[in-house]
Amino acid sequence: MGNYTNYSKIIAGTMTWGSWGKQLSTTQMAALIEQCLEIGITTFDHADIYGDYGNEAEFGKAFQKSKISRSDVQLISKCGIQMLSDARKTSVKHYQYDKEYIIQSVEQSLKNLKTDYLDFLLLHRPSPLIQPEEVAEAILSLKNAGKIKKFGVSNFSVSQVALLETAIPVSGNQMEFSLTANSPMNNGILDDCMMHKRMTMSWSPLGSYFREKTDTTKRIGKVLQKLTKKYNVNESQLLLAWILKHPSAVFPVVGTTEPKRLLESMQAINIKMELQDWFMLLEASEGQEVA
């Protein structure tokens, strides 16, 4: 369950590639996929809902245009969130995890992405009504048909993962984890990933640092100012280096569409952050020294 060496350490998050963000054309998207591969990013993170259920199809067209071999990339996708959308007949946002729906959702993702299989399927959010045996039936059916290689979850707590594992092994957990959202270090999620050799993925790995001006981000900024000079790197790279130092071997999912920033993210892998610098940033985030 624990061998994830074929995935690139930095994962390209596609959420803002389409209508929820940059609205890249097929040509632009194909160029971006090629640029990712040139710098060593081979893993792409999707979800059925991204771009109002439209991103995967846009990416599929672009991927076809790029002429890149399917075996050279890894495609992750998620299912389970039913949004209020013209694309769906829903009257309330909800989660759906019956066997039929999971299978149908994956088949739609495969059709949209123009591929025969997903490298990783994740359940997008936990549902209070989830039934482990039913999920297991869907996953085994998809695995046996060669339509998914690995199965995992996103945003699930330790007990929610354990509940699923009464029926099916869970190979990965994608969570919000950053310097400013570091609760997975304390609520057992990262411990659980380490103990069970789950692939640990972090969405929003830069946290709120660039989005918000708060006492917390000001304190972090002061420390980053010193450390950018010391390591001769930028703030984003240090924020990535901070989560990359965690022993759970985190794979950051980076949402930028700018090739320069994607390259800088890849370079962050080589930063060897010193122990005391790591704790200095933690102290800045928490607003107090460790106990």
C-alpha atoms as a PDB file:
ATOM      1  CA  MET A   1       0.000   0.000   0.000  1.00  0.00           C
ATOM      2  CA  GLY A   2       2.908   2.352   0.641  1.00  0.00           C
ATOM      3  CA  ASN A   3       4.784   2.681  -2.663  1.00  0.00           C
ATOM      4  CA  TYR A   4       4.030   6.019  -4.320  1.00  0.00           C
ATOM      5  CA  THR A   5       7.336   6.661  -6.080  1.00  0.00           C
ATOM      6  CA  ASN A   6       5.721   6.983  -9.514  1.00  0.00           C
ATOM      7  CA  TYR A   7       3.782  10.092  -8.374  1.00  0.00           C
ATOM      8  CA  SER A   8       5.541  13.440  -8.709  1.00  0.00           C
ATOM      9  CA  LYS A   9       6.331  14.989  -5.311  1.00  0.00           C
ATOM     10  CA  ILE A  10       4.525  18.156  -6.391  1.00  0.00           C
ATOM     11  CA  ILE A  11       1.037  17.463  -7.738  1.00  0.00           C
ATOM     12  CA  ALA A  12      -0.605  19.883 -10.175  1.00  0.00           C
ATOM     13  CA  GLY A  13      -4.049  20.802  -8.859  1.00  0.00           C
ATOM     14  CA  THR A  14      -6.408  21.512 -11.761  1.00  0.00           C
ATOM     15  CA  MET A  15      -9.292  23.125  -9.844  1.00  0.00           C
ATOM     16  CA  THR A  16      -8.733  26.623 -11.269  1.00  0.00           C
ATOM     17  CA  TRP A  17      -7.685  25.613 -14.792  1.00  0.00           C
ATOM     18  CA  GLY A  18     -11.221  25.901 -16.168  1.00  0.00           C
ATOM     19  CA  SER A  19     -14.348  27.949 -15.477  1.00  0.00           C
ATOM     20  CA  TRP A  20     -13.574  28.324 -11.741  1.00  0.00           C
ATOM     21  CA  GLY A  21     -10.429  30.280 -12.497  1.00  0.00           C
ATOM     22  CA  LYS A  22      -8.166  30.833 -15.466  1.00  0.00           C
ATOM     23  CA  GLN A  23     -10.551  29.521 -18.148  1.00  0.00           C
ATOM     24  CA  LEU A  24      -7.627  28.117 -20.136  1.00  0.00           C
ATOM     25  CA  SER A  25      -8.308  27.210 -23.755  1.00  0.00           C
ATOM     26  CA  THR A  26      -7.590  23.661 -24.971  1.00  0.00           C
ATOM     27  CA  THR A  27      -4.318  24.889 -26.501  1.00  0.00           C
ATOM     28  CA  GLN A  28      -3.268  26.698 -23.313  1.00  0.00           C
ATOM     29  CA  MET A  29      -4.146  23.681 -21.194  1.00  0.00           C
ATOM     30  CA  ALA A  30      -2.202  21.317 -23.466  1.00  0.00           C
ATOM     31  CA  ALA A  31       0.808  23.656 -23.228  1.00  0.00           C
ATOM     32  CA  LEU A  32       0.528  23.739 -19.428  1.00  0.00           C
ATOM     33  CA  ILE A  33       0.373  19.929 -19.210  1.00  0.00           C
ATOM     34  CA  GLU A  34       3.518  19.747 -21.377  1.00  0.00           C
ATOM     35  CA  GLN A  35       5.264  22.396 -19.245  1.00  0.00           C
ATOM     36  CA  CYS A  36       4.413  20.411 -16.102  1.00  0.00           C
ATOM     37  CA  LEU A  37       6.029  17.295 -17.561  1.00  0.00           C
ATOM     38  CA  GLU A  38       9.119  19.229 -18.643  1.00  0.00           C
ATOM     39  CA  ILE A  39       9.807  20.227 -15.014  1.00  0.00           C
ATOM     40  CA  GLY A  40       8.976  16.803 -13.573  1.00  0.00           C
ATOM     41  CA  ILE A  41       5.345  17.263 -12.510  1.00  0.00           C
ATOM     42  CA  THR A  42       3.577  14.156 -13.796  1.00  0.00           C
ATOM     43  CA  THR A  43       0.646  13.888 -11.358  1.00  0.00           C
ATOM     44  CA  PHE A  44      -2.597  15.825 -11.899  1.00  0.00           C
ATOM     45  CA  ASP A  45      -5.323  16.225  -9.290  1.00  0.00           C
ATOM     46  CA  HIS A  46      -8.944  16.438 -10.467  1.00  0.00           C
ATOM     47  CA  ALA A  47     -12.467  16.162  -9.105  1.00  0.00           C
ATOM     48  CA  ASP A  48     -15.686  15.582 -10.999  1.00  0.00           C
ATOM     49  CA  ILE A  49     -17.121  18.882  -9.669  1.00  0.00           C
ATOM     50  CA  TYR A  50     -14.230  21.149 -10.715  1.00  0.00           C
ATOM     51  CA  GLY A  51     -15.245  23.826 -13.188  1.00  0.00           C
ATOM     52  CA  ASP A  52     -18.932  23.110 -12.529  1.00  0.00           C
ATOM     53  CA  TYR A  53     -18.432  19.493 -13.695  1.00  0.00           C
ATOM     54  CA  GLY A  54     -16.574  20.750 -16.778  1.00  0.00           C
ATOM     55  CA  ASN A  55     -12.830  20.647 -16.035  1.00  0.00           C
ATOM     56  CA  GLU A  56     -12.178  16.971 -16.623  1.00  0.00           C
ATOM     57  CA  ALA A  57     -13.594  17.110 -20.152  1.00  0.00           C
ATOM     58  CA  GLU A  58     -11.510  20.216 -20.925  1.00  0.00           C
ATOM     59  CA  PHE A  59      -8.381  18.505 -19.575  1.00  0.00           C
ATOM     60  CA  GLY A  60      -9.200  15.341 -21.571  1.00  0.00           C
ATOM     61  CA  LYS A  61      -9.319  17.324 -24.810  1.00  0.00           C
ATOM     62  CA  ALA A  62      -6.068  19.112 -23.948  1.00  0.00           C
ATOM     63  CA  PHE A  63      -4.342  15.879 -22.944  1.00  0.00           C
ATOM     64  CA  GLN A  64      -5.297  14.290 -26.254  1.00  0.00           C
ATOM     65  CA  LYS A  65      -3.958  17.315 -28.101  1.00  0.00           C
ATOM     66  CA  SER A  66      -0.663  17.171 -26.168  1.00  0.00           C
ATOM     67  CA  LYS A  67       0.196  13.680 -27.512  1.00  0.00           C
ATOM     68  CA  ILE A  68       1.710  12.754 -24.124  1.00  0.00           C
ATOM     69  CA  SER A  69       1.624   9.035 -23.371  1.00  0.00           C
ATOM     70  CA  ARG A  70      -0.932   8.052 -20.696  1.00  0.00           C
ATOM     71  CA  SER A  71       1.699   5.939 -18.941  1.00  0.00           C
ATOM     72  CA  ASP A  72       3.817   9.072 -18.359  1.00  0.00           C
ATOM     73  CA  VAL A  73       1.222  10.727 -16.107  1.00  0.00           C
ATOM     74  CA  GLN A  74      -0.843   9.891 -13.030  1.00  0.00           C
ATOM     75  CA  LEU A  75      -4.438  11.070 -12.830  1.00  0.00           C
ATOM     76  CA  ILE A  76      -6.202  11.478  -9.493  1.00  0.00           C
ATOM     77  CA  SER A  77      -9.902  12.262  -9.301  1.00  0.00           C
ATOM     78  CA  LYS A  78     -12.620  12.519  -6.682  1.00  0.00           C
ATOM     79  CA  CYS A  79     -16.329  11.851  -6.531  1.00  0.00           C
ATOM     80  CA  GLY A  80     -19.201  12.123  -4.096  1.00  0.00           C
ATOM     81  CA  ILE A  81     -20.118  15.815  -3.872  1.00  0.00           C
ATOM     82  CA  GLN A  82     -23.416  16.628  -5.573  1.00  0.00           C
ATOM     83  CA  MET A  83     -23.430  20.374  -6.164  1.00  0.00           C
ATOM     84  CA  LEU A  84     -26.258  22.676  -7.096  1.00  0.00           C
ATOM     85  CA  SER A  85     -25.543  22.982 -10.783  1.00  0.00           C
ATOM     86  CA  ASP A  86     -27.223  23.195 -14.166  1.00  0.00           C
ATOM     87  CA  ALA A  87     -25.269  20.017 -14.917  1.00  0.00           C
ATOM     88  CA  ARG A  88     -27.153  18.079 -12.204  1.00  0.00           C
ATOM     89  CA  LYS A  89     -30.737  17.732 -11.009  1.00  0.00           C
ATOM     90  CA  THR A  90     -30.066  18.564  -7.368  1.00  0.00           C
ATOM     91  CA  SER A  91     -32.231  20.591  -4.995  1.00  0.00           C
ATOM     92  CA  VAL A  92     -29.674  20.627  -2.158  1.00  0.00           C
ATOM     93  CA  LYS A  93     -25.903  20.211  -2.031  1.00  0.00           C
ATOM     94  CA  HIS A  94     -25.203  16.740  -0.680  1.00  0.00           C
ATOM     95  CA  TYR A  95     -22.890  13.719  -0.724  1.00  0.00           C
ATOM     96  CA  GLN A  96     -23.731  10.518  -2.589  1.00  0.00           C
ATOM     97  CA  TYR A  97     -21.870   7.230  -2.144  1.00  0.00           C
ATOM     98  CA  ASP A  98     -24.147   4.411  -3.256  1.00  0.00           C
ATOM     99  CA  LYS A  99     -22.493   1.731  -5.380  1.00  0.00           C
ATOM    100  CA  GLU A 100     -24.214   2.747  -8.608  1.00  0.00           C
ATOM    101  CA  TYR A 101     -23.316   6.404  -8.218  1.00  0.00           C
ATOM    102  CA  ILE A 102     -19.616   5.795  -7.470  1.00  0.00           C
ATOM    103  CA  ILE A 103     -19.262   3.524 -10.512  1.00  0.00           C
ATOM    104  CA  GLN A 104     -21.215   5.871 -12.773  1.00  0.00           C
ATOM    105  CA  SER A 105     -19.176   8.862 -11.556  1.00  0.00           C
ATOM    106  CA  VAL A 106     -15.858   7.135 -12.275  1.00  0.00           C
ATOM    107  CA  GLU A 107     -17.040   6.037 -15.703  1.00  0.00           C
ATOM    108  CA  GLN A 108     -18.004   9.644 -16.477  1.00  0.00           C
ATOM    109  CA  SER A 109     -14.562  10.867 -15.295  1.00  0.00           C
ATOM    110  CA  LEU A 110     -12.846   8.301 -17.524  1.00  0.00           C
ATOM    111  CA  LYS A 111     -14.944   9.368 -20.487  1.00  0.00           C
ATOM    112  CA  ASN A 112     -14.208  13.062 -19.814  1.00  0.00           C
ATOM    113  CA  LEU A 113     -10.477  12.530 -19.246  1.00  0.00           C
ATOM    114  CA  LYS A 114     -10.318  10.264 -22.311  1.00  0.00           C
ATOM    115  CA  THR A 115      -8.570   7.502 -20.401  1.00  0.00           C
ATOM    116  CA  ASP A 116      -9.211   3.864 -19.462  1.00  0.00           C
ATOM    117  CA  TYR A 117      -8.225   4.170 -15.803  1.00  0.00           C
ATOM    118  CA  LEU A 118      -7.632   6.528 -12.868  1.00  0.00           C
ATOM    119  CA  ASP A 119      -4.417   6.074 -10.924  1.00  0.00           C
ATOM    120  CA  PHE A 120      -6.192   7.151  -7.728  1.00  0.00           C
ATOM    121  CA  LEU A 121      -9.861   7.611  -6.894  1.00  0.00           C
ATOM    122  CA  LEU A 122     -10.698   9.601  -3.763  1.00  0.00           C
ATOM    123  CA  LEU A 123     -14.039  10.037  -2.001  1.00  0.00           C
ATOM    124  CA  HIS A 124     -14.202  13.837  -1.883  1.00  0.00           C
ATOM    125  CA  ARG A 125     -15.836  14.507   1.497  1.00  0.00           C
ATOM    126  CA  PRO A 126     -17.107  12.224   4.264  1.00  0.00           C
ATOM    127  CA  SER A 127     -20.864  11.637   4.405  1.00  0.00           C
ATOM    128  CA  PRO A 128     -22.720  10.846   7.652  1.00  0.00           C
ATOM    129  CA  LEU A 129     -24.693   8.287   5.617  1.00  0.00           C
ATOM    130  CA  ILE A 130     -21.709   6.440   4.133  1.00  0.00           C
ATOM    131  CA  GLN A 131     -21.966   2.643   4.160  1.00  0.00           C
ATOM    132  CA  PRO A 132     -18.526   0.983   4.053  1.00  0.00           C
ATOM    133  CA  GLU A 133     -19.744  -2.290   2.509  1.00  0.00           C
ATOM    134  CA  GLU A 134     -21.482  -0.481  -0.336  1.00  0.00           C
ATOM    135  CA  VAL A 135     -18.396   1.655  -1.028  1.00  0.00           C
ATOM    136  CA  ALA A 136     -16.245  -1.504  -0.939  1.00  0.00           C
ATOM    137  CA  GLU A 137     -18.469  -3.213  -3.531  1.00  0.00           C
ATOM    138  CA  ALA A 138     -18.121  -0.256  -5.906  1.00  0.00           C
ATOM    139  CA  ILE A 139     -14.364   0.015  -5.421  1.00  0.00           C
ATOM    140  CA  LEU A 140     -13.723  -3.700  -5.899  1.00  0.00           C
ATOM    141  CA  SER A 141     -15.855  -3.703  -9.030  1.00  0.00           C
ATOM    142  CA  LEU A 142     -13.886  -0.720 -10.435  1.00  0.00           C
ATOM    143  CA  LYS A 143     -10.520  -2.248  -9.468  1.00  0.00           C
ATOM    144  CA  ASN A 144     -11.381  -5.630 -10.968  1.00  0.00           C
ATOM    145  CA  ALA A 145     -12.399  -3.891 -14.201  1.00  0.00           C
ATOM    146  CA  GLY A 146      -9.036  -2.063 -14.252  1.00  0.00           C
ATOM    147  CA  LYS A 147     -10.784   1.320 -14.053  1.00  0.00           C
ATOM    148  CA  ILE A 148      -8.982   2.499 -10.898  1.00  0.00           C
ATOM    149  CA  LYS A 149      -5.595   1.506  -9.519  1.00  0.00           C
ATOM    150  CA  LYS A 150      -5.741   2.917  -5.988  1.00  0.00           C
ATOM    151  CA  PHE A 151      -8.506   4.038  -3.659  1.00  0.00           C
ATOM    152  CA  GLY A 152      -8.398   6.748  -1.009  1.00  0.00           C
ATOM    153  CA  VAL A 153     -10.258   9.612   0.618  1.00  0.00           C
ATOM    154  CA  SER A 154     -10.149  13.375   0.929  1.00  0.00           C
ATOM    155  CA  ASN A 155     -10.939  15.366   4.088  1.00  0.00           C
ATOM    156  CA  PHE A 156     -11.753  12.252   6.162  1.00  0.00           C
ATOM    157  CA  SER A 157     -10.965  12.064   9.886  1.00  0.00           C
ATOM    158  CA  VAL A 158      -9.080   9.128  11.429  1.00  0.00           C
ATOM    159  CA  SER A 159     -12.283   7.446  12.637  1.00  0.00           C
ATOM    160  CA  GLN A 160     -13.989   7.962   9.266  1.00  0.00           C
ATOM    161  CA  VAL A 161     -11.044   6.245   7.537  1.00  0.00           C
ATOM    162  CA  ALA A 162     -11.133   3.438  10.122  1.00  0.00           C
ATOM    163  CA  LEU A 163     -14.851   2.961   9.483  1.00  0.00           C
ATOM    164  CA  LEU A 164     -14.230   2.546   5.740  1.00  0.00           C
ATOM    165  CA  GLU A 165     -11.374   0.151   6.461  1.00  0.00           C
ATOM    166  CA  THR A 166     -13.782  -2.270   8.091  1.00  0.00           C
ATOM    167  CA  ALA A 167     -14.685  -3.089   4.483  1.00  0.00           C
ATOM    168  CA  ILE A 168     -11.905  -1.852   2.141  1.00  0.00           C
ATOM    169  CA  PRO A 169      -8.230  -0.737   2.457  1.00  0.00           C
ATOM    170  CA  VAL A 170      -7.687   3.037   2.101  1.00  0.00           C
ATOM    171  CA  SER A 171      -4.411   3.915   0.347  1.00  0.00           C
ATOM    172  CA  GLY A 172      -4.384   7.710   0.645  1.00  0.00           C
ATOM    173  CA  ASN A 173      -5.828  10.772   2.357  1.00  0.00           C
ATOM    174  CA  GLN A 174      -5.844  14.251   0.822  1.00  0.00           C
ATOM    175  CA  MET A 175      -6.376  16.963   3.439  1.00  0.00           C
ATOM    176  CA  GLU A 176      -5.964  20.652   4.014  1.00  0.00           C
ATOM    177  CA  PHE A 177      -2.498  20.960   5.548  1.00  0.00           C
ATOM    178  CA  SER A 178      -0.222  23.978   5.715  1.00  0.00           C
ATOM    179  CA  LEU A 179       1.595  26.161   8.226  1.00  0.00           C
ATOM    180  CA  THR A 180      -1.639  28.080   8.907  1.00  0.00           C
ATOM    181  CA  ALA A 181      -3.885  24.965   8.841  1.00  0.00           C
ATOM    182  CA  ASN A 182      -1.754  22.458  10.712  1.00  0.00           C
ATOM    183  CA  SER A 183      -4.377  20.566  12.736  1.00  0.00           C
ATOM    184  CA  PRO A 184      -3.637  17.251  10.897  1.00  0.00           C
ATOM    185  CA  MET A 185      -0.380  17.149  12.915  1.00  0.00           C
ATOM    186  CA  ASN A 186      -2.392  17.137  16.158  1.00  0.00           C
ATOM    187  CA  ASN A 187      -5.681  15.373  15.404  1.00  0.00           C
ATOM    188  CA  GLY A 188      -4.085  12.065  14.410  1.00  0.00           C
ATOM    189  CA  ILE A 189      -4.606  12.303  10.632  1.00  0.00           C
ATOM    190  CA  LEU A 190      -0.903  12.474   9.748  1.00  0.00           C
ATOM    191  CA  ASP A 191      -0.041   9.857  12.389  1.00  0.00           C
ATOM    192  CA  ASP A 192      -2.654   7.583  10.822  1.00  0.00           C
ATOM    193  CA  CYS A 193      -1.176   8.115   7.342  1.00  0.00           C
ATOM    194  CA  MET A 194       2.280   7.237   8.647  1.00  0.00           C
ATOM    195  CA  MET A 195       1.139   4.180  10.601  1.00  0.00           C
ATOM    196  CA  HIS A 196      -0.795   2.751   7.663  1.00  0.00           C
ATOM    197  CA  LYS A 197       1.564   3.971   4.916  1.00  0.00           C
ATOM    198  CA  ARG A 198      -1.160   5.992   3.226  1.00  0.00           C
ATOM    199  CA  MET A 199      -0.189   8.496   0.549  1.00  0.00           C
ATOM    200  CA  THR A 200      -0.523  11.894   2.239  1.00  0.00           C
ATOM    201  CA  MET A 201      -1.659  14.727  -0.022  1.00  0.00           C
ATOM    202  CA  SER A 202      -2.117  18.340   1.017  1.00  0.00           C
ATOM    203  CA  TRP A 203      -4.491  20.759  -0.677  1.00  0.00           C
ATOM    204  CA  SER A 204      -3.987  24.503  -0.169  1.00  0.00           C
ATOM    205  CA  PRO A 205      -0.376  23.862   0.961  1.00  0.00           C
ATOM    206  CA  LEU A 206       0.471  27.591   1.201  1.00  0.00           C
ATOM    207  CA  GLY A 207      -2.416  28.124   3.599  1.00  0.00           C
ATOM    208  CA  SER A 208      -3.848  31.581   4.214  1.00  0.00           C
ATOM    209  CA  TYR A 209      -0.493  33.399   4.197  1.00  0.00           C
ATOM    210  CA  PHE A 210      -0.967  35.166   0.846  1.00  0.00           C
ATOM    211  CA  ARG A 211      -4.763  35.463   1.165  1.00  0.00           C
ATOM    212  CA  GLU A 212      -5.153  37.101   4.558  1.00  0.00           C
ATOM    213  CA  LYS A 213      -3.564  39.889   6.550  1.00  0.00           C
ATOM    214  CA  THR A 214      -3.869  38.823  10.192  1.00  0.00           C
ATOM    215  CA  ASP A 215      -1.682  38.870  13.305  1.00  0.00           C
ATOM    216  CA  THR A 216      -0.748  35.275  12.450  1.00  0.00           C
ATOM    217  CA  THR A 217       0.342  36.014   8.875  1.00  0.00           C
ATOM    218  CA  LYS A 218       2.241  39.108  10.065  1.00  0.00           C
ATOM    219  CA  ARG A 219       4.202  37.004  12.573  1.00  0.00           C
ATOM    220  CA  ILE A 220       4.896  34.368   9.902  1.00  0.00           C
ATOM    221  CA  GLY A 221       5.991  37.128   7.512  1.00  0.00           C
ATOM    222  CA  LYS A 222       8.655  38.369   9.922  1.00  0.00           C
ATOM    223  CA  VAL A 223      10.187  34.903  10.211  1.00  0.00           C
ATOM    224  CA  LEU A 224       9.935  34.268   6.468  1.00  0.00           C
ATOM    225  CA  GLN A 225      11.739  37.539   5.790  1.00  0.00           C
ATOM    226  CA  LYS A 226      14.780  36.244   7.701  1.00  0.00           C
ATOM    227  CA  LEU A 227      14.603  32.739   6.250  1.00  0.00           C
ATOM    228  CA  THR A 228      14.237  33.794   2.599  1.00  0.00           C
ATOM    229  CA  LYS A 229      17.639  35.462   2.929  1.00  0.00           C
ATOM    230  CA  LYS A 230      19.163  32.523   4.775  1.00  0.00           C
ATOM    231  CA  TYR A 231      17.998  29.887   2.261  1.00  0.00           C
ATOM    232  CA  ASN A 232      17.992  32.176  -0.785  1.00  0.00           C
ATOM    233  CA  VAL A 233      14.462  31.114  -1.791  1.00  0.00           C
ATOM    234  CA  ASN A 234      11.044  32.806  -1.820  1.00  0.00           C
ATOM    235  CA  GLU A 235       8.213  32.682   0.734  1.00  0.00           C
ATOM    236  CA  SER A 236       6.098  30.141  -1.188  1.00  0.00           C
ATOM    237  CA  GLN A 237       9.058  27.767  -1.385  1.00  0.00           C
ATOM    238  CA  LEU A 238       9.640  28.003   2.363  1.00  0.00           C
ATOM    239  CA  LEU A 239       5.966  27.347   3.127  1.00  0.00           C
ATOM    240  CA  LEU A 240       6.182  24.213   0.961  1.00  0.00           C
ATOM    241  CA  ALA A 241       9.504  23.195   2.549  1.00  0.00           C
ATOM    242  CA  TRP A 242       7.823  23.479   5.958  1.00  0.00           C
ATOM    243  CA  ILE A 243       5.169  20.859   5.151  1.00  0.00           C
ATOM    244  CA  LEU A 244       7.621  18.746   3.152  1.00  0.00           C
ATOM    245  CA  LYS A 245       9.729  18.324   6.296  1.00  0.00           C
ATOM    246  CA  HIS A 246       6.930  16.415   8.017  1.00  0.00           C
ATOM    247  CA  PRO A 247       7.799  12.680   8.209  1.00  0.00           C
ATOM    248  CA  SER A 248       4.450  11.656   6.679  1.00  0.00           C
ATOM    249  CA  ALA A 249       6.054  12.427   3.276  1.00  0.00           C
ATOM    250  CA  VAL A 250       3.413  14.909   2.140  1.00  0.00           C
ATOM    251  CA  PHE A 251       2.658  15.436  -1.558  1.00  0.00           C
ATOM    252  CA  PRO A 252       1.566  19.093  -1.916  1.00  0.00           C
ATOM    253  CA  VAL A 253      -1.222  19.751  -4.441  1.00  0.00           C
ATOM    254  CA  VAL A 254      -0.245  23.103  -5.946  1.00  0.00           C
ATOM    255  CA  GLY A 255      -2.992  25.137  -7.593  1.00  0.00           C
ATOM    256  CA  THR A 256      -1.035  27.672  -9.639  1.00  0.00           C
ATOM    257  CA  THR A 257      -1.226  27.687 -13.449  1.00  0.00           C
ATOM    258  CA  GLU A 258       1.990  29.702 -13.818  1.00  0.00           C
ATOM    259  CA  PRO A 259       4.935  27.586 -15.097  1.00  0.00           C
ATOM    260  CA  LYS A 260       7.426  29.748 -13.156  1.00  0.00           C
ATOM    261  CA  ARG A 261       5.638  29.109  -9.867  1.00  0.00           C
ATOM    262  CA  LEU A 262       5.271  25.413 -10.652  1.00  0.00           C
ATOM    263  CA  LEU A 263       9.033  25.220 -11.238  1.00  0.00           C
ATOM    264  CA  GLU A 264       9.697  27.040  -7.949  1.00  0.00           C
ATOM    265  CA  SER A 265       7.420  24.522  -6.212  1.00  0.00           C
ATOM    266  CA  MET A 266       9.501  21.675  -7.607  1.00  0.00           C
ATOM    267  CA  GLN A 267      12.681  23.413  -6.421  1.00  0.00           C
ATOM    268  CA  ALA A 268      11.241  23.573  -2.887  1.00  0.00           C
ATOM    269  CA  ILE A 269      11.724  19.800  -2.634  1.00  0.00           C
ATOM    270  CA  ASN A 270      15.485  20.392  -2.333  1.00  0.00           C
ATOM    271  CA  ILE A 271      15.295  22.846   0.589  1.00  0.00           C
ATOM    272  CA  LYS A 272      16.625  21.204   3.736  1.00  0.00           C
ATOM    273  CA  MET A 273      14.951  23.274   6.411  1.00  0.00           C
ATOM    274  CA  GLU A 274      16.792  23.208   9.734  1.00  0.00           C
ATOM    275  CA  LEU A 275      14.962  21.911  12.789  1.00  0.00           C
ATOM    276  CA  GLN A 276      14.943  25.199  14.693  1.00  0.00           C
ATOM    277  CA  ASP A 277      13.773  27.153  11.640  1.00  0.00           C
ATOM    278  CA  TRP A 278      10.847  24.730  11.311  1.00  0.00           C
ATOM    279  CA  PHE A 279       9.866  25.341  14.939  1.00  0.00           C
ATOM    280  CA  MET A 280      10.373  29.087  14.538  1.00  0.00           C
ATOM    281  CA  LEU A 281       7.710  29.066  11.808  1.00  0.00           C
ATOM    282  CA  LEU A 282       5.423  26.866  13.907  1.00  0.00           C
ATOM    283  CA  GLU A 283       5.783  29.282  16.832  1.00  0.00           C
ATOM    284  CA  ALA A 284       4.928  32.219  14.524  1.00  0.00           C
ATOM    285  CA  SER A 285       1.823  30.391  13.307  1.00  0.00           C
ATOM    286  CA  GLU A 286       0.648  29.414  16.788  1.00  0.00           C
ATOM    287  CA  GLY A 287       1.551  32.748  18.421  1.00  0.00           C
ATOM    288  CA  GLN A 288       3.378  30.968  21.258  1.00  0.00           C
ATOM    289  CA  GLU A 289       6.322  28.681  21.831  1.00  0.00           C
ATOM    290  CA  VAL A 290       5.747  24.938  22.087  1.00  0.00           C
ATOM    291  CA  ALA A 291       4.960  23.659  25.600  1.00  0.00           C
END
